[in-house]
Amino acid sequence: MSEIKDKFIGVYEVKAGRDVYKNECNVKRYIHDRNRLRAYVRELSEREKFAAKAAGAEQSTVFKVNYNPKLKAGLYLEFRDETYLIKSVDGFEFYRRDLTLRAERVKPEPTDHEEYEGDA
């Protein structure tokens, strides 16, 4: 089965910041510009879910993306109006081609505004 990266995802972190009136607020800071990242997406099979649960993990979805050094565990991922928390990032044998992200669905943190990489 081919792994075509035909879906679009957004990856961000939530940081404390200040608004224009110098009030504290939560900022959704994307690690990319306004163009979304392309990804291959699939749900874990029942066998994979069972093995993950036996190991104490609750991972539900796998995202395969092009290499990006900014991707790390703990970031949030948006896909089709759902929010996921990245649990692990696997760069196969340290090649800088693809990264496999394992994530679980979570409730998104409330934020006041969003910023993109490269916006001034």
PDB file of N, CA and C in Angstrom:
ATOM      1  N   MET A   1       0.845  -1.181   0.000  1.00  0.00           N
ATOM      2  CA  MET A   1       0.000   0.000   0.000  1.00  0.00           C
ATOM      3  C   MET A   1       0.885   1.238   0.000  1.00  0.00           C
ATOM      4  N   SER A   2       0.579   2.163  -0.859  1.00  0.00           N
ATOM      5  CA  SER A   2       1.406   3.371  -0.963  1.00  0.00           C
ATOM      6  C   SER A   2       1.035   4.366   0.136  1.00  0.00           C
ATOM      7  N   GLU A   3       2.000   5.160   0.526  1.00  0.00           N
ATOM      8  CA  GLU A   3       1.811   6.159   1.575  1.00  0.00           C
ATOM      9  C   GLU A   3       1.881   7.553   0.955  1.00  0.00           C
ATOM     10  N   ILE A   4       0.824   7.928   0.282  1.00  0.00           N
ATOM     11  CA  ILE A   4       0.770   9.218  -0.393  1.00  0.00           C
ATOM     12  C   ILE A   4       0.389  10.291   0.618  1.00  0.00           C
ATOM     13  N   LYS A   5       1.162  11.347   0.678  1.00  0.00           N
ATOM     14  CA  LYS A   5       0.909  12.451   1.610  1.00  0.00           C
ATOM     15  C   LYS A   5      -0.089  13.418   0.958  1.00  0.00           C
ATOM     16  N   ASP A   6      -1.358  13.063   1.042  1.00  0.00           N
ATOM     17  CA  ASP A   6      -2.393  13.833   0.362  1.00  0.00           C
ATOM     18  C   ASP A   6      -3.345  14.565   1.309  1.00  0.00           C
ATOM     19  N   LYS A   7      -3.078  14.524   2.605  1.00  0.00           N
ATOM     20  CA  LYS A   7      -3.899  15.223   3.595  1.00  0.00           C
ATOM     21  C   LYS A   7      -3.120  16.429   4.115  1.00  0.00           C
ATOM     22  N   PHE A   8      -3.843  17.420   4.617  1.00  0.00           N
ATOM     23  CA  PHE A   8      -3.208  18.621   5.162  1.00  0.00           C
ATOM     24  C   PHE A   8      -3.410  18.666   6.674  1.00  0.00           C
ATOM     25  N   ILE A   9      -2.328  18.960   7.396  1.00  0.00           N
ATOM     26  CA  ILE A   9      -2.392  19.067   8.849  1.00  0.00           C
ATOM     27  C   ILE A   9      -1.755  20.391   9.283  1.00  0.00           C
ATOM     28  N   GLY A  10      -2.134  20.844  10.450  1.00  0.00           N
ATOM     29  CA  GLY A  10      -1.512  22.010  11.073  1.00  0.00           C
ATOM     30  C   GLY A  10      -0.884  21.571  12.386  1.00  0.00           C
ATOM     31  N   VAL A  11       0.315  22.054  12.692  1.00  0.00           N
ATOM     32  CA  VAL A  11       1.009  21.696  13.928  1.00  0.00           C
ATOM     33  C   VAL A  11       1.322  22.976  14.676  1.00  0.00           C
ATOM     34  N   TYR A  12       0.987  22.996  15.967  1.00  0.00           N
ATOM     35  CA  TYR A  12       1.196  24.209  16.748  1.00  0.00           C
ATOM     36  C   TYR A  12       1.515  23.884  18.204  1.00  0.00           C
ATOM     37  N   GLU A  13       1.976  24.907  18.903  1.00  0.00           N
ATOM     38  CA  GLU A  13       2.159  24.821  20.344  1.00  0.00           C
ATOM     39  C   GLU A  13       1.387  25.972  20.971  1.00  0.00           C
ATOM     40  N   VAL A  14       0.996  25.809  22.221  1.00  0.00           N
ATOM     41  CA  VAL A  14       0.295  26.860  22.939  1.00  0.00           C
ATOM     42  C   VAL A  14       1.287  27.502  23.895  1.00  0.00           C
ATOM     43  N   LYS A  15       1.462  28.805  23.742  1.00  0.00           N
ATOM     44  CA  LYS A  15       2.413  29.545  24.576  1.00  0.00           C
ATOM     45  C   LYS A  15       1.700  30.707  25.261  1.00  0.00           C
ATOM     46  N   ALA A  16       2.224  31.070  26.410  1.00  0.00           N
ATOM     47  CA  ALA A  16       1.716  32.255  27.094  1.00  0.00           C
ATOM     48  C   ALA A  16       2.302  33.479  26.398  1.00  0.00           C
ATOM     49  N   GLY A  17       1.486  34.471  26.199  1.00  0.00           N
ATOM     50  CA  GLY A  17       1.945  35.696  25.541  1.00  0.00           C
ATOM     51  C   GLY A  17       1.166  36.893  26.052  1.00  0.00           C
ATOM     52  N   ARG A  18       1.310  37.989  25.352  1.00  0.00           N
ATOM     53  CA  ARG A  18       0.597  39.215  25.716  1.00  0.00           C
ATOM     54  C   ARG A  18      -0.100  39.766  24.479  1.00  0.00           C
ATOM     55  N   ASP A  19      -1.304  40.306  24.696  1.00  0.00           N
ATOM     56  CA  ASP A  19      -2.030  40.911  23.584  1.00  0.00           C
ATOM     57  C   ASP A  19      -1.603  42.370  23.425  1.00  0.00           C
ATOM     58  N   VAL A  20      -2.283  43.096  22.552  1.00  0.00           N
ATOM     59  CA  VAL A  20      -1.902  44.487  22.271  1.00  0.00           C
ATOM     60  C   VAL A  20      -2.100  45.403  23.473  1.00  0.00           C
ATOM     61  N   TYR A  21      -2.931  44.989  24.431  1.00  0.00           N
ATOM     62  CA  TYR A  21      -3.169  45.781  25.639  1.00  0.00           C
ATOM     63  C   TYR A  21      -2.289  45.318  26.799  1.00  0.00           C
ATOM     64  N   LYS A  22      -1.315  44.455  26.514  1.00  0.00           N
ATOM     65  CA  LYS A  22      -0.361  43.924  27.505  1.00  0.00           C
ATOM     66  C   LYS A  22      -1.007  42.991  28.521  1.00  0.00           C
ATOM     67  N   ASN A  23      -2.170  42.412  28.176  1.00  0.00           N
ATOM     68  CA  ASN A  23      -2.808  41.425  29.037  1.00  0.00           C
ATOM     69  C   ASN A  23      -2.266  40.043  28.692  1.00  0.00           C
ATOM     70  N   GLU A  24      -2.173  39.170  29.688  1.00  0.00           N
ATOM     71  CA  GLU A  24      -1.713  37.809  29.433  1.00  0.00           C
ATOM     72  C   GLU A  24      -2.771  37.048  28.643  1.00  0.00           C
ATOM     73  N   CYS A  25      -2.303  36.226  27.705  1.00  0.00           N
ATOM     74  CA  CYS A  25      -3.215  35.432  26.893  1.00  0.00           C
ATOM     75  C   CYS A  25      -2.487  34.182  26.396  1.00  0.00           C
ATOM     76  N   ASN A  26      -3.247  33.205  25.938  1.00  0.00           N
ATOM     77  CA  ASN A  26      -2.667  32.007  25.327  1.00  0.00           C
ATOM     78  C   ASN A  26      -2.605  32.209  23.819  1.00  0.00           C
ATOM     79  N   VAL A  27      -1.455  31.898  23.239  1.00  0.00           N
ATOM     80  CA  VAL A  27      -1.241  32.090  21.806  1.00  0.00           C
ATOM     81  C   VAL A  27      -1.033  30.731  21.148  1.00  0.00           C
ATOM     82  N   LYS A  28      -1.773  30.489  20.086  1.00  0.00           N
ATOM     83  CA  LYS A  28      -1.592  29.280  19.271  1.00  0.00           C
ATOM     84  C   LYS A  28      -0.523  29.613  18.241  1.00  0.00           C
ATOM     85  N   ARG A  29       0.693  29.073  18.407  1.00  0.00           N
ATOM     86  CA  ARG A  29       1.849  29.388  17.549  1.00  0.00           C
ATOM     87  C   ARG A  29       2.136  28.208  16.638  1.00  0.00           C
ATOM     88  N   TYR A  30       1.836  28.367  15.337  1.00  0.00           N
ATOM     89  CA  TYR A  30       2.082  27.302  14.362  1.00  0.00           C
ATOM     90  C   TYR A  30       3.572  27.227  14.046  1.00  0.00           C
ATOM     91  N   ILE A  31       4.079  26.023  13.791  1.00  0.00           N
ATOM     92  CA  ILE A  31       5.504  25.849  13.479  1.00  0.00           C
ATOM     93  C   ILE A  31       5.772  25.999  11.990  1.00  0.00           C
ATOM     94  N   HIS A  32       4.751  26.333  11.220  1.00  0.00           N
ATOM     95  CA  HIS A  32       4.881  26.494   9.770  1.00  0.00           C
ATOM     96  C   HIS A  32       4.181  27.776   9.355  1.00  0.00           C
ATOM     97  N   ASP A  33       4.340  28.147   8.086  1.00  0.00           N
ATOM     98  CA  ASP A  33       3.643  29.334   7.606  1.00  0.00           C
ATOM     99  C   ASP A  33       2.173  28.990   7.357  1.00  0.00           C
ATOM    100  N   ARG A  34       1.462  29.847   6.691  1.00  0.00           N
ATOM    101  CA  ARG A  34       0.024  29.626   6.504  1.00  0.00           C
ATOM    102  C   ARG A  34      -0.310  28.426   5.619  1.00  0.00           C
ATOM    103  N   ASN A  35       0.657  27.910   4.879  1.00  0.00           N
ATOM    104  CA  ASN A  35       0.454  26.685   4.126  1.00  0.00           C
ATOM    105  C   ASN A  35       0.574  25.503   5.083  1.00  0.00           C
ATOM    106  N   ARG A  36      -0.392  24.634   5.058  1.00  0.00           N
ATOM    107  CA  ARG A  36      -0.393  23.476   5.953  1.00  0.00           C
ATOM    108  C   ARG A  36       0.655  22.458   5.516  1.00  0.00           C
ATOM    109  N   LEU A  37       0.984  21.541   6.421  1.00  0.00           N
ATOM    110  CA  LEU A  37       1.914  20.456   6.100  1.00  0.00           C
ATOM    111  C   LEU A  37       1.152  19.311   5.457  1.00  0.00           C
ATOM    112  N   ARG A  38       1.800  18.624   4.532  1.00  0.00           N
ATOM    113  CA  ARG A  38       1.181  17.465   3.889  1.00  0.00           C
ATOM    114  C   ARG A  38       1.522  16.222   4.688  1.00  0.00           C
ATOM    115  N   ALA A  39       0.561  15.293   4.782  1.00  0.00           N
ATOM    116  CA  ALA A  39       0.775  14.096   5.593  1.00  0.00           C
ATOM    117  C   ALA A  39       0.003  12.906   5.042  1.00  0.00           C
ATOM    118  N   TYR A  40       0.556  11.731   5.322  1.00  0.00           N
ATOM    119  CA  TYR A  40      -0.155  10.464   5.133  1.00  0.00           C
ATOM    120  C   TYR A  40      -0.757  10.133   6.493  1.00  0.00           C
ATOM    121  N   VAL A  41      -2.056   9.833   6.546  1.00  0.00           N
ATOM    122  CA  VAL A  41      -2.743   9.627   7.815  1.00  0.00           C
ATOM    123  C   VAL A  41      -3.439   8.272   7.805  1.00  0.00           C
ATOM    124  N   ARG A  42      -3.319   7.561   8.955  1.00  0.00           N
ATOM    125  CA  ARG A  42      -4.074   6.319   9.096  1.00  0.00           C
ATOM    126  C   ARG A  42      -4.351   6.045  10.563  1.00  0.00           C
ATOM    127  N   GLU A  43      -5.462   5.363  10.799  1.00  0.00           N
ATOM    128  CA  GLU A  43      -5.801   4.903  12.143  1.00  0.00           C
ATOM    129  C   GLU A  43      -5.004   3.635  12.430  1.00  0.00           C
ATOM    130  N   LEU A  44      -4.672   3.407  13.692  1.00  0.00           N
ATOM    131  CA  LEU A  44      -3.996   2.169  14.058  1.00  0.00           C
ATOM    132  C   LEU A  44      -4.964   1.001  13.907  1.00  0.00           C
ATOM    133  N   SER A  45      -4.435  -0.147  13.522  1.00  0.00           N
ATOM    134  CA  SER A  45      -5.259  -1.349  13.436  1.00  0.00           C
ATOM    135  C   SER A  45      -5.573  -1.825  14.853  1.00  0.00           C
ATOM    136  N   GLU A  46      -6.530  -2.711  14.988  1.00  0.00           N
ATOM    137  CA  GLU A  46      -6.882  -3.224  16.306  1.00  0.00           C
ATOM    138  C   GLU A  46      -5.695  -3.928  16.959  1.00  0.00           C
ATOM    139  N   ARG A  47      -4.914  -4.630  16.177  1.00  0.00           N
ATOM    140  CA  ARG A  47      -3.723  -5.317  16.713  1.00  0.00           C
ATOM    141  C   ARG A  47      -2.722  -4.292  17.255  1.00  0.00           C
ATOM    142  N   GLU A  48      -2.514  -3.208  16.508  1.00  0.00           N
ATOM    143  CA  GLU A  48      -1.588  -2.158  16.957  1.00  0.00           C
ATOM    144  C   GLU A  48      -2.120  -1.445  18.206  1.00  0.00           C
ATOM    145  N   LYS A  49      -3.436  -1.206  18.240  1.00  0.00           N
ATOM    146  CA  LYS A  49      -4.030  -0.574  19.417  1.00  0.00           C
ATOM    147  C   LYS A  49      -3.872  -1.454  20.651  1.00  0.00           C
ATOM    148  N   PHE A  50      -4.097  -2.751  20.476  1.00  0.00           N
ATOM    149  CA  PHE A  50      -3.962  -3.687  21.589  1.00  0.00           C
ATOM    150  C   PHE A  50      -2.523  -3.719  22.097  1.00  0.00           C
ATOM    151  N   ALA A  51      -1.550  -3.743  21.178  1.00  0.00           N
ATOM    152  CA  ALA A  51      -0.135  -3.760  21.569  1.00  0.00           C
ATOM    153  C   ALA A  51       0.250  -2.452  22.267  1.00  0.00           C
ATOM    154  N   ALA A  52      -0.268  -1.321  21.784  1.00  0.00           N
ATOM    155  CA  ALA A  52       0.027  -0.031  22.415  1.00  0.00           C
ATOM    156  C   ALA A  52      -0.582   0.027  23.815  1.00  0.00           C
ATOM    157  N   LYS A  53      -1.802  -0.491  23.945  1.00  0.00           N
ATOM    158  CA  LYS A  53      -2.461  -0.477  25.255  1.00  0.00           C
ATOM    159  C   LYS A  53      -1.712  -1.363  26.247  1.00  0.00           C
ATOM    160  N   ALA A  54      -1.201  -2.509  25.784  1.00  0.00           N
ATOM    161  CA  ALA A  54      -0.428  -3.396  26.652  1.00  0.00           C
ATOM    162  C   ALA A  54       0.854  -2.714  27.129  1.00  0.00           C
ATOM    163  N   ALA A  55       1.404  -1.827  26.308  1.00  0.00           N
ATOM    164  CA  ALA A  55       2.618  -1.096  26.667  1.00  0.00           C
ATOM    165  C   ALA A  55       2.306   0.165  27.474  1.00  0.00           C
ATOM    166  N   GLY A  56       1.008   0.447  27.695  1.00  0.00           N
ATOM    167  CA  GLY A  56       0.616   1.600  28.498  1.00  0.00           C
ATOM    168  C   GLY A  56       0.418   2.873  27.709  1.00  0.00           C
ATOM    169  N   ALA A  57       0.302   2.782  26.406  1.00  0.00           N
ATOM    170  CA  ALA A  57       0.111   3.972  25.572  1.00  0.00           C
ATOM    171  C   ALA A  57      -1.308   3.973  25.012  1.00  0.00           C
ATOM    172  N   GLU A  58      -1.827   5.162  24.773  1.00  0.00           N
ATOM    173  CA  GLU A  58      -3.171   5.306  24.205  1.00  0.00           C
ATOM    174  C   GLU A  58      -3.076   6.020  22.862  1.00  0.00           C
ATOM    175  N   GLN A  59      -2.323   5.481  21.941  1.00  0.00           N
ATOM    176  CA  GLN A  59      -2.142   6.125  20.647  1.00  0.00           C
ATOM    177  C   GLN A  59      -3.194   5.619  19.676  1.00  0.00           C
ATOM    178  N   SER A  60      -3.721   6.528  18.869  1.00  0.00           N
ATOM    179  CA  SER A  60      -4.817   6.133  18.008  1.00  0.00           C
ATOM    180  C   SER A  60      -4.568   6.391  16.536  1.00  0.00           C
ATOM    181  N   THR A  61      -3.720   7.349  16.206  1.00  0.00           N
ATOM    182  CA  THR A  61      -3.552   7.750  14.814  1.00  0.00           C
ATOM    183  C   THR A  61      -2.075   7.938  14.492  1.00  0.00           C
ATOM    184  N   VAL A  62      -1.720   7.597  13.246  1.00  0.00           N
ATOM    185  CA  VAL A  62      -0.346   7.748  12.766  1.00  0.00           C
ATOM    186  C   VAL A  62      -0.351   8.761  11.636  1.00  0.00           C
ATOM    187  N   PHE A  63       0.553   9.726  11.719  1.00  0.00           N
ATOM    188  CA  PHE A  63       0.737  10.736  10.692  1.00  0.00           C
ATOM    189  C   PHE A  63       2.169  10.615  10.179  1.00  0.00           C
ATOM    190  N   LYS A  64       2.349  10.500   8.880  1.00  0.00           N
ATOM    191  CA  LYS A  64       3.688  10.438   8.302  1.00  0.00           C
ATOM    192  C   LYS A  64       3.897  11.713   7.499  1.00  0.00           C
ATOM    193  N   VAL A  65       4.936  12.481   7.865  1.00  0.00           N
ATOM    194  CA  VAL A  65       5.185  13.785   7.246  1.00  0.00           C
ATOM    195  C   VAL A  65       6.635  13.855   6.779  1.00  0.00           C
ATOM    196  N   ASN A  66       6.922  14.831   5.931  1.00  0.00           N
ATOM    197  CA  ASN A  66       8.309  15.076   5.543  1.00  0.00           C
ATOM    198  C   ASN A  66       9.089  15.563   6.755  1.00  0.00           C
ATOM    199  N   TYR A  67      10.381  15.350   6.730  1.00  0.00           N
ATOM    200  CA  TYR A  67      11.243  15.725   7.858  1.00  0.00           C
ATOM    201  C   TYR A  67      11.129  17.215   8.150  1.00  0.00           C
ATOM    202  N   ASN A  68      10.979  17.530   9.414  1.00  0.00           N
ATOM    203  CA  ASN A  68      10.944  18.915   9.881  1.00  0.00           C
ATOM    204  C   ASN A  68      11.561  18.928  11.279  1.00  0.00           C
ATOM    205  N   PRO A  69      12.682  19.624  11.472  1.00  0.00           N
ATOM    206  CA  PRO A  69      13.352  19.592  12.774  1.00  0.00           C
ATOM    207  C   PRO A  69      12.540  20.218  13.906  1.00  0.00           C
ATOM    208  N   LYS A  70      11.477  20.965  13.589  1.00  0.00           N
ATOM    209  CA  LYS A  70      10.663  21.605  14.619  1.00  0.00           C
ATOM    210  C   LYS A  70       9.637  20.659  15.234  1.00  0.00           C
ATOM    211  N   LEU A  71       9.405  19.515  14.600  1.00  0.00           N
ATOM    212  CA  LEU A  71       8.413  18.579  15.111  1.00  0.00           C
ATOM    213  C   LEU A  71       8.970  17.831  16.314  1.00  0.00           C
ATOM    214  N   LYS A  72       8.168  17.791  17.395  1.00  0.00           N
ATOM    215  CA  LYS A  72       8.573  17.089  18.608  1.00  0.00           C
ATOM    216  C   LYS A  72       7.328  16.653  19.373  1.00  0.00           C
ATOM    217  N   ALA A  73       7.519  15.741  20.298  1.00  0.00           N
ATOM    218  CA  ALA A  73       6.415  15.285  21.135  1.00  0.00           C
ATOM    219  C   ALA A  73       5.929  16.446  21.992  1.00  0.00           C
ATOM    220  N   GLY A  74       4.626  16.482  22.237  1.00  0.00           N
ATOM    221  CA  GLY A  74       4.044  17.536  23.058  1.00  0.00           C
ATOM    222  C   GLY A  74       3.387  18.648  22.266  1.00  0.00           C
ATOM    223  N   LEU A  75       3.603  18.691  20.951  1.00  0.00           N
ATOM    224  CA  LEU A  75       2.938  19.685  20.112  1.00  0.00           C
ATOM    225  C   LEU A  75       1.528  19.202  19.792  1.00  0.00           C
ATOM    226  N   TYR A  76       0.673  20.137  19.413  1.00  0.00           N
ATOM    227  CA  TYR A  76      -0.689  19.812  18.997  1.00  0.00           C
ATOM    228  C   TYR A  76      -0.745  19.717  17.485  1.00  0.00           C
ATOM    229  N   LEU A  77      -1.662  18.895  16.997  1.00  0.00           N
ATOM    230  CA  LEU A  77      -1.810  18.658  15.569  1.00  0.00           C
ATOM    231  C   LEU A  77      -3.285  18.782  15.224  1.00  0.00           C
ATOM    232  N   GLU A  78      -3.614  19.514  14.176  1.00  0.00           N
ATOM    233  CA  GLU A  78      -4.999  19.664  13.718  1.00  0.00           C
ATOM    234  C   GLU A  78      -5.186  18.903  12.415  1.00  0.00           C
ATOM    235  N   PHE A  79      -6.240  18.097  12.372  1.00  0.00           N
ATOM    236  CA  PHE A  79      -6.572  17.362  11.164  1.00  0.00           C
ATOM    237  C   PHE A  79      -8.084  17.193  11.114  1.00  0.00           C
ATOM    238  N   ARG A  80      -8.705  17.721  10.073  1.00  0.00           N
ATOM    239  CA  ARG A  80     -10.152  17.620   9.856  1.00  0.00           C
ATOM    240  C   ARG A  80     -10.970  18.004  11.087  1.00  0.00           C
ATOM    241  N   ASP A  81     -10.729  19.183  11.596  1.00  0.00           N
ATOM    242  CA  ASP A  81     -11.468  19.741  12.734  1.00  0.00           C
ATOM    243  C   ASP A  81     -11.321  18.930  14.021  1.00  0.00           C
ATOM    244  N   GLU A  82     -10.317  18.095  14.097  1.00  0.00           N
ATOM    245  CA  GLU A  82      -9.992  17.362  15.318  1.00  0.00           C
ATOM    246  C   GLU A  82      -8.612  17.791  15.777  1.00  0.00           C
ATOM    247  N   THR A  83      -8.370  17.755  17.085  1.00  0.00           N
ATOM    248  CA  THR A  83      -7.072  18.103  17.638  1.00  0.00           C
ATOM    249  C   THR A  83      -6.438  16.874  18.253  1.00  0.00           C
ATOM    250  N   TYR A  84      -5.165  16.685  17.982  1.00  0.00           N
ATOM    251  CA  TYR A  84      -4.405  15.545  18.482  1.00  0.00           C
ATOM    252  C   TYR A  84      -3.186  16.065  19.238  1.00  0.00           C
ATOM    253  N   LEU A  85      -2.720  15.285  20.193  1.00  0.00           N
ATOM    254  CA  LEU A  85      -1.491  15.583  20.907  1.00  0.00           C
ATOM    255  C   LEU A  85      -0.441  14.589  20.429  1.00  0.00           C
ATOM    256  N   ILE A  86       0.685  15.099  19.932  1.00  0.00           N
ATOM    257  CA  ILE A  86       1.742  14.226  19.428  1.00  0.00           C
ATOM    258  C   ILE A  86       2.417  13.555  20.610  1.00  0.00           C
ATOM    259  N   LYS A  87       2.371  12.222  20.637  1.00  0.00           N
ATOM    260  CA  LYS A  87       2.949  11.443  21.725  1.00  0.00           C
ATOM    261  C   LYS A  87       4.373  11.003  21.431  1.00  0.00           C
ATOM    262  N   SER A  88       4.673  10.712  20.165  1.00  0.00           N
ATOM    263  CA  SER A  88       6.040  10.301  19.814  1.00  0.00           C
ATOM    264  C   SER A  88       6.350  10.695  18.379  1.00  0.00           C
ATOM    265  N   VAL A  89       7.634  10.930  18.138  1.00  0.00           N
ATOM    266  CA  VAL A  89       8.132  11.265  16.813  1.00  0.00           C
ATOM    267  C   VAL A  89       9.223  10.254  16.483  1.00  0.00           C
ATOM    268  N   ASP A  90       9.040   9.533  15.385  1.00  0.00           N
ATOM    269  CA  ASP A  90      10.000   8.502  15.003  1.00  0.00           C
ATOM    270  C   ASP A  90      10.637   8.870  13.666  1.00  0.00           C
ATOM    271  N   GLY A  91      11.933   9.164  13.709  1.00  0.00           N
ATOM    272  CA  GLY A  91      12.696   9.392  12.492  1.00  0.00           C
ATOM    273  C   GLY A  91      13.451   8.108  12.192  1.00  0.00           C
ATOM    274  N   PHE A  92      12.976   7.320  11.279  1.00  0.00           N
ATOM    275  CA  PHE A  92      13.514   5.985  11.019  1.00  0.00           C
ATOM    276  C   PHE A  92      15.025   6.020  10.814  1.00  0.00           C
ATOM    277  N   GLU A  93      15.748   5.419  11.727  1.00  0.00           N
ATOM    278  CA  GLU A  93      17.202   5.271  11.673  1.00  0.00           C
ATOM    279  C   GLU A  93      17.932   6.586  11.381  1.00  0.00           C
ATOM    280  N   PHE A  94      17.394   7.679  11.879  1.00  0.00           N
ATOM    281  CA  PHE A  94      17.993   9.011  11.770  1.00  0.00           C
ATOM    282  C   PHE A  94      18.133   9.515  10.338  1.00  0.00           C
ATOM    283  N   TYR A  95      17.391   8.916   9.403  1.00  0.00           N
ATOM    284  CA  TYR A  95      17.355   9.489   8.058  1.00  0.00           C
ATOM    285  C   TYR A  95      16.522  10.758   8.112  1.00  0.00           C
ATOM    286  N   ARG A  96      16.862  11.724   7.311  1.00  0.00           N
ATOM    287  CA  ARG A  96      16.110  12.983   7.313  1.00  0.00           C
ATOM    288  C   ARG A  96      15.149  13.023   6.129  1.00  0.00           C
ATOM    289  N   ARG A  97      14.297  12.027   6.059  1.00  0.00           N
ATOM    290  CA  ARG A  97      13.296  11.967   4.988  1.00  0.00           C
ATOM    291  C   ARG A  97      11.901  12.137   5.547  1.00  0.00           C
ATOM    292  N   ASP A  98      11.440  11.124   6.235  1.00  0.00           N
ATOM    293  CA  ASP A  98      10.084  11.120   6.783  1.00  0.00           C
ATOM    294  C   ASP A  98      10.125  10.996   8.295  1.00  0.00           C
ATOM    295  N   LEU A  99       9.102  11.546   8.936  1.00  0.00           N
ATOM    296  CA  LEU A  99       8.908  11.372  10.364  1.00  0.00           C
ATOM    297  C   LEU A  99       7.543  10.733  10.573  1.00  0.00           C
ATOM    298  N   THR A 100       7.472   9.779  11.472  1.00  0.00           N
ATOM    299  CA  THR A 100       6.210   9.149  11.822  1.00  0.00           C
ATOM    300  C   THR A 100       5.773   9.699  13.167  1.00  0.00           C
ATOM    301  N   LEU A 101       4.619  10.343  13.177  1.00  0.00           N
ATOM    302  CA  LEU A 101       4.074  10.935  14.401  1.00  0.00           C
ATOM    303  C   LEU A 101       2.946  10.050  14.900  1.00  0.00           C
ATOM    304  N   ARG A 102       3.009   9.667  16.153  1.00  0.00           N
ATOM    305  CA  ARG A 102       1.921   8.921  16.773  1.00  0.00           C
ATOM    306  C   ARG A 102       1.211   9.878  17.715  1.00  0.00           C
ATOM    307  N   ALA A 103      -0.108   9.950  17.579  1.00  0.00           N
ATOM    308  CA  ALA A 103      -0.863  10.963  18.315  1.00  0.00           C
ATOM    309  C   ALA A 103      -2.172  10.396  18.835  1.00  0.00           C
ATOM    310  N   GLU A 104      -2.694  11.068  19.853  1.00  0.00           N
ATOM    311  CA  GLU A 104      -4.013  10.708  20.375  1.00  0.00           C
ATOM    312  C   GLU A 104      -4.911  11.934  20.355  1.00  0.00           C
ATOM    313  N   ARG A 105      -6.190  11.697  20.179  1.00  0.00           N
ATOM    314  CA  ARG A 105      -7.168  12.772  20.088  1.00  0.00           C
ATOM    315  C   ARG A 105      -7.370  13.392  21.474  1.00  0.00           C
ATOM    316  N   VAL A 106      -7.365  14.719  21.533  1.00  0.00           N
ATOM    317  CA  VAL A 106      -7.547  15.445  22.793  1.00  0.00           C
ATOM    318  C   VAL A 106      -8.495  16.616  22.576  1.00  0.00           C
ATOM    319  N   LYS A 107      -8.927  17.199  23.675  1.00  0.00           N
ATOM    320  CA  LYS A 107      -9.713  18.420  23.614  1.00  0.00           C
ATOM    321  C   LYS A 107      -8.734  19.581  23.473  1.00  0.00           C
ATOM    322  N   PRO A 108      -8.932  20.493  22.515  1.00  0.00           N
ATOM    323  CA  PRO A 108      -7.964  21.586  22.314  1.00  0.00           C
ATOM    324  C   PRO A 108      -7.962  22.571  23.483  1.00  0.00           C
ATOM    325  N   GLU A 109      -6.772  23.106  23.764  1.00  0.00           N
ATOM    326  CA  GLU A 109      -6.648  24.150  24.780  1.00  0.00           C
ATOM    327  C   GLU A 109      -7.236  25.441  24.231  1.00  0.00           C
ATOM    328  N   PRO A 110      -7.937  26.209  25.059  1.00  0.00           N
ATOM    329  CA  PRO A 110      -8.463  27.494  24.565  1.00  0.00           C
ATOM    330  C   PRO A 110      -7.322  28.480  24.325  1.00  0.00           C
ATOM    331  N   THR A 111      -7.409  29.183  23.203  1.00  0.00           N
ATOM    332  CA  THR A 111      -6.400  30.191  22.874  1.00  0.00           C
ATOM    333  C   THR A 111      -7.101  31.491  22.484  1.00  0.00           C
ATOM    334  N   ASP A 112      -6.367  32.588  22.621  1.00  0.00           N
ATOM    335  CA  ASP A 112      -6.927  33.904  22.317  1.00  0.00           C
ATOM    336  C   ASP A 112      -6.685  34.337  20.879  1.00  0.00           C
ATOM    337  N   HIS A 113      -5.524  33.982  20.341  1.00  0.00           N
ATOM    338  CA  HIS A 113      -5.248  34.276  18.932  1.00  0.00           C
ATOM    339  C   HIS A 113      -4.161  33.336  18.432  1.00  0.00           C
ATOM    340  N   GLU A 114      -3.930  33.366  17.110  1.00  0.00           N
ATOM    341  CA  GLU A 114      -2.951  32.464  16.519  1.00  0.00           C
ATOM    342  C   GLU A 114      -1.895  33.238  15.743  1.00  0.00           C
ATOM    343  N   GLU A 115      -0.705  32.638  15.691  1.00  0.00           N
ATOM    344  CA  GLU A 115       0.425  33.212  14.944  1.00  0.00           C
ATOM    345  C   GLU A 115       1.007  32.113  14.076  1.00  0.00           C
ATOM    346  N   TYR A 116       1.581  32.539  12.957  1.00  0.00           N
ATOM    347  CA  TYR A 116       2.225  31.598  12.048  1.00  0.00           C
ATOM    348  C   TYR A 116       3.700  31.895  11.950  1.00  0.00           C
ATOM    349  N   GLU A 117       4.493  30.873  11.672  1.00  0.00           N
ATOM    350  CA  GLU A 117       5.931  31.042  11.451  1.00  0.00           C
ATOM    351  C   GLU A 117       6.123  32.013  10.282  1.00  0.00           C
ATOM    352  N   GLY A 118       6.966  32.994  10.460  1.00  0.00           N
ATOM    353  CA  GLY A 118       7.253  33.932   9.385  1.00  0.00           C
ATOM    354  C   GLY A 118       6.382  35.178   9.398  1.00  0.00           C
ATOM    355  N   ASP A 119       5.293  35.188  10.196  1.00  0.00           N
ATOM    356  CA  ASP A 119       4.492  36.406  10.302  1.00  0.00           C
ATOM    357  C   ASP A 119       5.229  37.423  11.156  1.00  0.00           C
ATOM    358  N   ALA A 120       5.170  38.655  10.756  1.00  0.00           N
ATOM    359  CA  ALA A 120       5.856  39.709  11.539  1.00  0.00           C
ATOM    360  C   ALA A 120       4.902  40.398  12.465  1.00  0.00           C
TER     361      ALA A 120
END
